[in-house]
C-alpha atoms as a PDB file:
ATOM      1  CA  UNK A   1       0.000   0.000   0.000  1.00  0.00           C
ATOM      2  CA  UNK A   2       1.312   3.416  -0.948  1.00  0.00           C
ATOM      3  CA  UNK A   3       1.986   6.192   1.542  1.00  0.00           C
ATOM      4  CA  UNK A   4       1.183   8.860  -1.023  1.00  0.00           C
ATOM      5  CA  UNK A   5      -1.547  11.281  -0.054  1.00  0.00           C
ATOM      6  CA  UNK A   6      -2.963  14.050  -2.187  1.00  0.00           C
ATOM      7  CA  UNK A   7      -1.834  17.491  -1.084  1.00  0.00           C
ATOM      8  CA  UNK A   8      -4.185  19.228   1.297  1.00  0.00           C
ATOM      9  CA  UNK A   9      -6.020  22.348   0.229  1.00  0.00           C
ATOM     10  CA  UNK A  10      -4.163  25.562   0.890  1.00  0.00           C
ATOM     11  CA  UNK A  11      -5.644  27.357   3.870  1.00  0.00           C
ATOM     12  CA  UNK A  12      -6.564  31.012   3.767  1.00  0.00           C
ATOM     13  CA  UNK A  13      -3.660  33.268   4.724  1.00  0.00           C
ATOM     14  CA  UNK A  14      -5.701  35.591   6.961  1.00  0.00           C
ATOM     15  CA  UNK A  15      -5.172  36.088  10.666  1.00  0.00           C
ATOM     16  CA  UNK A  16      -6.260  38.542  13.336  1.00  0.00           C
ATOM     17  CA  UNK A  17      -3.682  40.932  14.755  1.00  0.00           C
ATOM     18  CA  UNK A  18      -3.791  39.140  18.146  1.00  0.00           C
ATOM     19  CA  UNK A  19      -3.384  35.767  16.442  1.00  0.00           C
ATOM     20  CA  UNK A  20      -0.325  36.962  14.541  1.00  0.00           C
ATOM     21  CA  UNK A  21       1.245  38.259  17.751  1.00  0.00           C
ATOM     22  CA  UNK A  22       0.568  34.886  19.459  1.00  0.00           C
ATOM     23  CA  UNK A  23       2.290  33.022  16.614  1.00  0.00           C
ATOM     24  CA  UNK A  24       5.265  35.384  16.731  1.00  0.00           C
ATOM     25  CA  UNK A  25       5.436  34.897  20.506  1.00  0.00           C
ATOM     26  CA  UNK A  26       5.336  31.119  20.089  1.00  0.00           C
ATOM     27  CA  UNK A  27       8.132  31.263  17.506  1.00  0.00           C
ATOM     28  CA  UNK A  28      10.269  33.441  19.756  1.00  0.00           C
ATOM     29  CA  UNK A  29       9.626  31.155  22.759  1.00  0.00           C
ATOM     30  CA  UNK A  30      10.514  28.040  20.781  1.00  0.00           C
ATOM     31  CA  UNK A  31      13.656  29.541  19.294  1.00  0.00           C
ATOM     32  CA  UNK A  32      15.028  31.457  22.293  1.00  0.00           C
ATOM     33  CA  UNK A  33      13.774  29.450  25.302  1.00  0.00           C
ATOM     34  CA  UNK A  34      12.697  25.874  24.592  1.00  0.00           C
ATOM     35  CA  UNK A  35      15.235  24.968  21.897  1.00  0.00           C
ATOM     36  CA  UNK A  36      18.297  26.017  23.952  1.00  0.00           C
ATOM     37  CA  UNK A  37      16.946  24.031  26.934  1.00  0.00           C
ATOM     38  CA  UNK A  38      16.467  20.907  24.818  1.00  0.00           C
ATOM     39  CA  UNK A  39      19.899  21.289  23.166  1.00  0.00           C
ATOM     40  CA  UNK A  40      21.510  21.555  26.607  1.00  0.00           C
ATOM     41  CA  UNK A  41      19.653  18.449  27.850  1.00  0.00           C
ATOM     42  CA  UNK A  42      20.548  16.614  24.621  1.00  0.00           C
ATOM     43  CA  UNK A  43      24.237  17.424  25.101  1.00  0.00           C
ATOM     44  CA  UNK A  44      24.102  16.138  28.679  1.00  0.00           C
ATOM     45  CA  UNK A  45      22.368  12.927  27.554  1.00  0.00           C
ATOM     46  CA  UNK A  46      24.893  12.426  24.741  1.00  0.00           C
ATOM     47  CA  UNK A  47      27.771  12.769  27.207  1.00  0.00           C
ATOM     48  CA  UNK A  48      26.490   9.775  29.166  1.00  0.00           C
ATOM     49  CA  UNK A  49      27.858   7.336  26.622  1.00  0.00           C
ATOM     50  CA  UNK A  50      26.095   4.734  24.467  1.00  0.00           C
ATOM     51  CA  UNK A  51      23.455   6.638  22.526  1.00  0.00           C
ATOM     52  CA  UNK A  52      21.689   3.619  21.034  1.00  0.00           C
ATOM     53  CA  UNK A  53      20.208   2.555  24.389  1.00  0.00           C
ATOM     54  CA  UNK A  54      20.021   5.977  26.006  1.00  0.00           C
ATOM     55  CA  UNK A  55      16.303   6.773  26.382  1.00  0.00           C
ATOM     56  CA  UNK A  56      16.962  10.367  27.449  1.00  0.00           C
ATOM     57  CA  UNK A  57      19.081  10.987  24.342  1.00  0.00           C
ATOM     58  CA  UNK A  58      16.451   9.448  22.023  1.00  0.00           C
ATOM     59  CA  UNK A  59      13.652  11.446  23.672  1.00  0.00           C
ATOM     60  CA  UNK A  60      15.549  14.747  23.471  1.00  0.00           C
ATOM     61  CA  UNK A  61      16.483  14.095  19.835  1.00  0.00           C
ATOM     62  CA  UNK A  62      12.793  13.612  18.956  1.00  0.00           C
ATOM     63  CA  UNK A  63      11.840  16.677  20.988  1.00  0.00           C
ATOM     64  CA  UNK A  64      14.441  18.762  19.147  1.00  0.00           C
ATOM     65  CA  UNK A  65      13.081  17.531  15.803  1.00  0.00           C
ATOM     66  CA  UNK A  66       9.537  18.538  16.792  1.00  0.00           C
ATOM     67  CA  UNK A  67      10.688  22.004  17.865  1.00  0.00           C
ATOM     68  CA  UNK A  68      12.677  22.489  14.659  1.00  0.00           C
ATOM     69  CA  UNK A  69       9.713  21.339  12.558  1.00  0.00           C
ATOM     70  CA  UNK A  70       7.383  23.814  14.301  1.00  0.00           C
ATOM     71  CA  UNK A  71       9.964  26.633  13.993  1.00  0.00           C
ATOM     72  CA  UNK A  72      10.294  25.962  10.251  1.00  0.00           C
ATOM     73  CA  UNK A  73       6.511  25.926   9.810  1.00  0.00           C
ATOM     74  CA  UNK A  74       5.970  29.143  11.811  1.00  0.00           C
ATOM     75  CA  UNK A  75       8.817  30.956  10.044  1.00  0.00           C
ATOM     76  CA  UNK A  76       7.330  30.209   6.636  1.00  0.00           C
ATOM     77  CA  UNK A  77       3.703  30.696   7.661  1.00  0.00           C
ATOM     78  CA  UNK A  78       4.190  34.076   9.384  1.00  0.00           C
ATOM     79  CA  UNK A  79       5.711  35.462   6.173  1.00  0.00           C
ATOM     80  CA  UNK A  80       2.539  34.788   4.143  1.00  0.00           C
ATOM     81  CA  UNK A  81      -0.103  35.691   6.738  1.00  0.00           C
ATOM     82  CA  UNK A  82      -2.005  38.927   6.289  1.00  0.00           C
ATOM     83  CA  UNK A  83      -4.027  40.936   8.800  1.00  0.00           C
ATOM     84  CA  UNK A  84      -7.027  42.409   6.947  1.00  0.00           C
ATOM     85  CA  UNK A  85      -8.008  45.998   7.573  1.00  0.00           C
ATOM     86  CA  UNK A  86     -11.246  45.919   9.568  1.00  0.00           C
ATOM     87  CA  UNK A  87     -12.108  49.579   8.976  1.00  0.00           C
ATOM     88  CA  UNK A  88     -13.176  48.919   5.390  1.00  0.00           C
ATOM     89  CA  UNK A  89     -15.665  46.140   6.217  1.00  0.00           C
ATOM     90  CA  UNK A  90     -19.248  47.171   6.957  1.00  0.00           C
ATOM     91  CA  UNK A  91     -20.040  46.569  10.639  1.00  0.00           C
ATOM     92  CA  UNK A  92     -23.590  45.400   9.973  1.00  0.00           C
ATOM     93  CA  UNK A  93     -22.533  42.245   8.092  1.00  0.00           C
ATOM     94  CA  UNK A  94     -20.501  39.162   8.996  1.00  0.00           C
ATOM     95  CA  UNK A  95     -16.911  39.352   7.804  1.00  0.00           C
ATOM     96  CA  UNK A  96     -13.524  38.168   9.047  1.00  0.00           C
ATOM     97  CA  UNK A  97     -13.019  38.556  12.844  1.00  0.00           C
ATOM     98  CA  UNK A  98     -16.723  39.159  13.489  1.00  0.00           C
ATOM     99  CA  UNK A  99     -18.489  37.783  16.533  1.00  0.00           C
ATOM    100  CA  UNK A 100     -21.960  36.645  15.567  1.00  0.00           C
ATOM    101  CA  UNK A 101     -24.808  34.799  17.200  1.00  0.00           C
ATOM    102  CA  UNK A 102     -26.825  32.202  15.301  1.00  0.00           C
ATOM    103  CA  UNK A 103     -30.117  30.569  16.141  1.00  0.00           C
ATOM    104  CA  UNK A 104     -30.861  27.131  14.708  1.00  0.00           C
ATOM    105  CA  UNK A 105     -34.237  25.573  13.844  1.00  0.00           C
ATOM    106  CA  UNK A 106     -34.674  24.295  17.424  1.00  0.00           C
ATOM    107  CA  UNK A 107     -34.273  27.796  18.883  1.00  0.00           C
ATOM    108  CA  UNK A 108     -30.787  27.106  20.317  1.00  0.00           C
ATOM    109  CA  UNK A 109     -28.332  29.983  19.994  1.00  0.00           C
ATOM    110  CA  UNK A 110     -24.541  29.898  19.766  1.00  0.00           C
ATOM    111  CA  UNK A 111     -21.983  32.652  19.436  1.00  0.00           C
ATOM    112  CA  UNK A 112     -19.064  32.245  17.009  1.00  0.00           C
ATOM    113  CA  UNK A 113     -16.092  34.236  15.800  1.00  0.00           C
ATOM    114  CA  UNK A 114     -14.545  33.913  12.344  1.00  0.00           C
ATOM    115  CA  UNK A 115     -10.754  33.721  12.550  1.00  0.00           C
ATOM    116  CA  UNK A 116      -7.901  32.417  10.427  1.00  0.00           C
ATOM    117  CA  UNK A 117      -7.166  28.692  10.201  1.00  0.00           C
ATOM    118  CA  UNK A 118      -4.060  29.110  12.389  1.00  0.00           C
ATOM    119  CA  UNK A 119      -6.033  30.360  15.390  1.00  0.00           C
ATOM    120  CA  UNK A 120      -9.190  28.235  15.501  1.00  0.00           C
ATOM    121  CA  UNK A 121     -10.300  27.151  18.961  1.00  0.00           C
ATOM    122  CA  UNK A 122     -13.379  24.983  19.433  1.00  0.00           C
ATOM    123  CA  UNK A 123     -13.620  25.740  23.167  1.00  0.00           C
ATOM    124  CA  UNK A 124     -13.865  29.475  22.461  1.00  0.00           C
ATOM    125  CA  UNK A 125     -16.148  28.960  19.408  1.00  0.00           C
ATOM    126  CA  UNK A 126     -13.535  30.488  17.109  1.00  0.00           C
ATOM    127  CA  UNK A 127     -14.152  28.943  13.693  1.00  0.00           C
ATOM    128  CA  UNK A 128     -11.914  29.014  10.659  1.00  0.00           C
ATOM    129  CA  UNK A 129     -12.861  31.194   7.739  1.00  0.00           C
ATOM    130  CA  UNK A 130     -12.390  28.026   5.657  1.00  0.00           C
ATOM    131  CA  UNK A 131     -15.097  26.124   7.577  1.00  0.00           C
ATOM    132  CA  UNK A 132     -18.478  25.477   5.921  1.00  0.00           C
ATOM    133  CA  UNK A 133     -20.351  27.435   8.608  1.00  0.00           C
ATOM    134  CA  UNK A 134     -18.118  30.504   8.248  1.00  0.00           C
ATOM    135  CA  UNK A 135     -18.288  30.410   4.439  1.00  0.00           C
ATOM    136  CA  UNK A 136     -22.082  30.259   4.574  1.00  0.00           C
ATOM    137  CA  UNK A 137     -22.311  33.051   7.176  1.00  0.00           C
ATOM    138  CA  UNK A 138     -20.054  35.514   5.326  1.00  0.00           C
ATOM    139  CA  UNK A 139     -21.763  38.718   4.193  1.00  0.00           C
ATOM    140  CA  UNK A 140     -24.983  37.947   6.091  1.00  0.00           C
ATOM    141  CA  UNK A 141     -26.763  40.647   8.109  1.00  0.00           C
ATOM    142  CA  UNK A 142     -28.930  40.458  11.238  1.00  0.00           C
ATOM    143  CA  UNK A 143     -32.283  38.681  10.666  1.00  0.00           C
ATOM    144  CA  UNK A 144     -31.018  36.932   7.526  1.00  0.00           C
ATOM    145  CA  UNK A 145     -31.480  33.167   7.238  1.00  0.00           C
ATOM    146  CA  UNK A 146     -29.130  30.760   5.496  1.00  0.00           C
ATOM    147  CA  UNK A 147     -28.598  27.042   5.088  1.00  0.00           C
ATOM    148  CA  UNK A 148     -25.332  25.185   5.430  1.00  0.00           C
ATOM    149  CA  UNK A 149     -24.363  21.572   4.851  1.00  0.00           C
ATOM    150  CA  UNK A 150     -22.659  20.339   8.028  1.00  0.00           C
ATOM    151  CA  UNK A 151     -21.499  16.813   8.898  1.00  0.00           C
ATOM    152  CA  UNK A 152     -24.775  16.411  10.814  1.00  0.00           C
ATOM    153  CA  UNK A 153     -26.784  17.364   7.732  1.00  0.00           C
ATOM    154  CA  UNK A 154     -28.379  20.428   6.198  1.00  0.00           C
ATOM    155  CA  UNK A 155     -28.991  23.039   8.904  1.00  0.00           C
ATOM    156  CA  UNK A 156     -30.844  26.348   8.751  1.00  0.00           C
ATOM    157  CA  UNK A 157     -29.619  29.315  10.823  1.00  0.00           C
ATOM    158  CA  UNK A 158     -30.885  32.797  11.598  1.00  0.00           C
ATOM    159  CA  UNK A 159     -28.370  35.589  12.317  1.00  0.00           C
ATOM    160  CA  UNK A 160     -29.317  37.094  15.686  1.00  0.00           C
ATOM    161  CA  UNK A 161     -26.492  39.580  16.280  1.00  0.00           C
ATOM    162  CA  UNK A 162     -23.172  40.775  14.865  1.00  0.00           C
ATOM    163  CA  UNK A 163     -20.380  42.423  16.814  1.00  0.00           C
ATOM    164  CA  UNK A 164     -16.728  43.192  16.128  1.00  0.00           C
ATOM    165  CA  UNK A 165     -15.697  43.618  19.785  1.00  0.00           C
ATOM    166  CA  UNK A 166     -15.089  40.666  22.115  1.00  0.00           C
END
């Protein structure tokens, strides 16, 4: 069986200003704090002798690889990310970085925020602009209804409120 997989779809290169600062902070922390600590621990483990049976050495080597992989990804990703200007978007419609409340057919309401794919957080109800729900909600105003095909099936929503402040 082949290990080949088709390339994944390119994600949208948008991010909020706070999200970009968090990614830059993560990159700086990885490069200036965590990586030097792991390199120091790796050197100490390597000095203990036989590396083939040294669990600490093997663990630190894998940890260093994970840090380097994340540093490479963040370095390349931060270069292409763009923070859209929010002043040009009308405040009465759903666009990037908007908080909006939706009511489903059962009368249940949920509040979401559209963010970039690098900063999604299900616990905070931050959804990616690439998600089906966000794509369907874009450019909708209060009291507008729309349908979206979700994994649970076709769902109808009503836009209850739109806000651009947390």
